[in-house]
Amino acid sequence: MTTATATPAGRIDVRGPRVSAAITATVLATALVVQGTAGIGLVGLQVAVFATAVTLGVARSPWAAVFRAVRRAFDLGPASATEDPGPPRFAQACGLVVAGAGLVALLAGTATLGWVLVGIVLGLSSLLAVTGLCVGCELYVLGLRLRGGS
């Protein structure tokens, strides 16, 4: 089954991960501002979104569904460029690990560590949303090169 953001070859619209990163940054920035139970709940929501993207694929994540709705509502048209979903999926896994560790730290009562970890994910998501540079994607490519892949 293909989605609106996937091309027939299984590639994804490059705009999707940037929109997802912008939503992620907004959710995590709000969590940092409100903190407390509401902030922890927002971190939990984002961890669940990361988990969905990792298990089902980035084109089936909740934030990808938001991107598809925005794309339709504003008639943004077809993708002008596409990419392999592997690197963004790996980046989502990195976000899952770091934000998940932050959530565990927050739930364990080590708020400073928890919010620092959440802040790291917020910073990297903001970087992708604003500049298009995905550090997790770059790590994925570096890993391929180190293993002798393409």
Protein backbone atom coordinates (compact mmCIF):
# COMPACT_ATOMS: atom_id res chain seq x y z
CA MET A 1 0.00 0.00 0.00
CA THR A 2 1.45 3.34 -0.99
CA THR A 3 0.66 6.66 0.63
CA ALA A 4 0.32 10.14 -0.78
CA THR A 5 3.88 10.97 0.25
CA ALA A 6 5.42 7.83 -1.26
CA THR A 7 6.32 7.53 -4.91
CA PRO A 8 5.77 4.28 -6.83
CA ALA A 9 9.42 3.41 -6.22
CA GLY A 10 8.90 3.69 -2.45
CA ARG A 11 10.76 6.96 -2.16
CA ILE A 12 9.34 9.81 -0.08
CA ASP A 13 8.72 13.49 -0.74
CA VAL A 14 11.69 15.41 0.72
CA ARG A 15 9.33 17.98 2.18
CA GLY A 16 7.72 15.41 4.48
CA PRO A 17 10.63 14.92 6.90
CA ARG A 18 11.13 18.70 7.18
CA VAL A 19 7.48 19.22 8.05
CA SER A 20 7.67 16.33 10.51
CA ALA A 21 10.75 17.89 12.07
CA ALA A 22 8.96 21.23 12.41
CA ILE A 23 6.04 19.54 14.18
CA THR A 24 8.44 17.60 16.40
CA ALA A 25 10.30 20.80 17.30
CA THR A 26 7.02 22.51 18.14
CA VAL A 27 5.85 19.64 20.34
CA LEU A 28 9.17 19.41 22.19
CA ALA A 29 9.57 23.19 22.57
CA THR A 30 6.09 23.31 24.09
CA ALA A 31 7.03 20.44 26.40
CA LEU A 32 10.13 22.32 27.56
CA VAL A 33 8.12 25.47 28.22
CA VAL A 34 5.24 23.86 30.13
CA GLN A 35 7.23 21.00 31.75
CA GLY A 36 5.39 19.21 34.56
CA THR A 37 2.86 16.50 33.77
CA ALA A 38 1.73 18.21 30.55
CA GLY A 39 5.30 18.54 29.30
CA ILE A 40 6.08 14.92 30.09
CA GLY A 41 2.88 13.93 28.28
CA LEU A 42 4.01 15.83 25.19
CA VAL A 43 7.38 14.08 25.30
CA GLY A 44 5.51 10.78 25.57
CA LEU A 45 3.41 11.73 22.54
CA GLN A 46 6.53 12.49 20.51
CA VAL A 47 8.18 9.25 21.60
CA ALA A 48 5.07 7.40 20.36
CA VAL A 49 5.29 9.24 17.02
CA PHE A 50 8.96 8.27 16.69
CA ALA A 51 8.08 4.65 17.50
CA THR A 52 5.35 4.65 14.85
CA ALA A 53 7.73 6.05 12.21
CA VAL A 54 10.35 3.44 13.06
CA THR A 55 7.98 0.47 13.09
CA LEU A 56 5.62 1.40 10.23
CA GLY A 57 7.89 3.66 8.18
CA VAL A 58 8.18 7.42 7.94
CA ALA A 59 5.46 7.67 5.28
CA ARG A 60 2.97 6.17 7.74
CA SER A 61 3.82 8.24 10.81
CA PRO A 62 1.25 10.63 12.31
CA TRP A 63 3.29 13.67 11.27
CA ALA A 64 3.41 12.34 7.68
CA ALA A 65 -0.39 12.26 7.77
CA VAL A 66 -0.35 15.92 8.83
CA PHE A 67 2.01 16.69 5.94
CA ARG A 68 -0.33 14.97 3.48
CA ALA A 69 -3.27 17.00 4.80
CA VAL A 70 -1.30 20.25 4.53
CA ARG A 71 -0.15 19.30 1.04
CA ARG A 72 -3.75 18.74 -0.05
CA ALA A 73 -5.15 21.81 1.75
CA PHE A 74 -2.61 24.16 0.20
CA ASP A 75 -2.41 22.30 -3.12
CA LEU A 76 1.38 22.00 -2.88
CA GLY A 77 1.49 19.57 -5.79
CA PRO A 78 3.64 16.51 -6.32
CA ALA A 79 7.11 16.12 -4.92
CA SER A 80 9.77 18.03 -6.80
CA ALA A 81 12.37 15.73 -5.25
CA THR A 82 12.26 12.41 -3.43
CA GLU A 83 14.57 10.45 -1.18
CA ASP A 84 15.11 6.95 0.14
CA PRO A 85 13.12 6.55 3.38
CA GLY A 86 15.99 4.62 5.03
CA PRO A 87 17.98 7.60 6.34
CA PRO A 88 14.93 9.46 7.72
CA ARG A 89 13.74 6.23 9.36
CA PHE A 90 17.14 5.84 11.01
CA ALA A 91 16.96 9.47 12.16
CA GLN A 92 13.55 8.73 13.69
CA ALA A 93 15.11 5.76 15.49
CA CYS A 94 17.81 8.05 16.88
CA GLY A 95 15.12 10.47 18.03
CA LEU A 96 13.24 7.57 19.61
CA VAL A 97 16.31 6.47 21.58
CA VAL A 98 17.29 9.93 22.82
CA ALA A 99 13.78 11.24 23.49
CA GLY A 100 12.84 7.87 24.98
CA ALA A 101 15.81 8.09 27.34
CA GLY A 102 14.70 11.63 28.18
CA LEU A 103 11.19 10.39 28.95
CA VAL A 104 12.55 7.62 31.17
CA ALA A 105 14.73 10.15 33.00
CA LEU A 106 11.77 12.49 33.50
CA LEU A 107 9.61 9.67 34.81
CA ALA A 108 12.45 8.56 37.11
CA GLY A 109 12.66 12.04 38.63
CA THR A 110 15.93 13.15 37.03
CA ALA A 111 14.39 16.19 35.39
CA THR A 112 17.61 17.94 34.41
CA LEU A 113 18.90 14.94 32.47
CA GLY A 114 15.49 14.35 30.94
CA TRP A 115 15.06 17.92 29.71
CA VAL A 116 18.64 18.04 28.38
CA LEU A 117 17.97 14.93 26.29
CA VAL A 118 14.67 16.39 25.07
CA GLY A 119 16.53 19.62 24.24
CA ILE A 120 19.03 17.71 22.11
CA VAL A 121 16.22 16.21 20.03
CA LEU A 122 14.55 19.62 19.85
CA GLY A 123 17.77 21.19 18.55
CA LEU A 124 18.34 18.52 15.92
CA SER A 125 14.71 18.63 14.79
CA SER A 126 14.89 22.41 14.53
CA LEU A 127 18.08 22.12 12.48
CA LEU A 128 16.34 19.82 10.00
CA ALA A 129 13.19 21.93 9.85
CA VAL A 130 15.05 25.18 9.24
CA THR A 131 18.03 24.13 7.11
CA GLY A 132 17.19 20.71 5.72
CA LEU A 133 20.26 19.19 7.39
CA CYS A 134 19.35 15.87 9.01
CA VAL A 135 22.11 14.75 11.36
CA GLY A 136 20.56 11.28 11.77
CA CYS A 137 20.43 10.89 7.99
CA GLU A 138 24.08 11.89 7.75
CA LEU A 139 24.97 9.32 10.42
CA TYR A 140 23.10 6.68 8.41
CA VAL A 141 25.11 7.49 5.28
CA LEU A 142 28.35 7.55 7.27
CA GLY A 143 27.50 4.12 8.67
CA LEU A 144 26.97 2.79 5.16
CA ARG A 145 30.33 4.17 4.04
CA LEU A 146 32.11 2.70 7.05
CA ARG A 147 30.60 -0.71 6.29
CA GLY A 148 31.71 -0.43 2.69
CA GLY A 149 28.24 0.27 1.24
CA SER A 150 27.24 3.05 -1.10
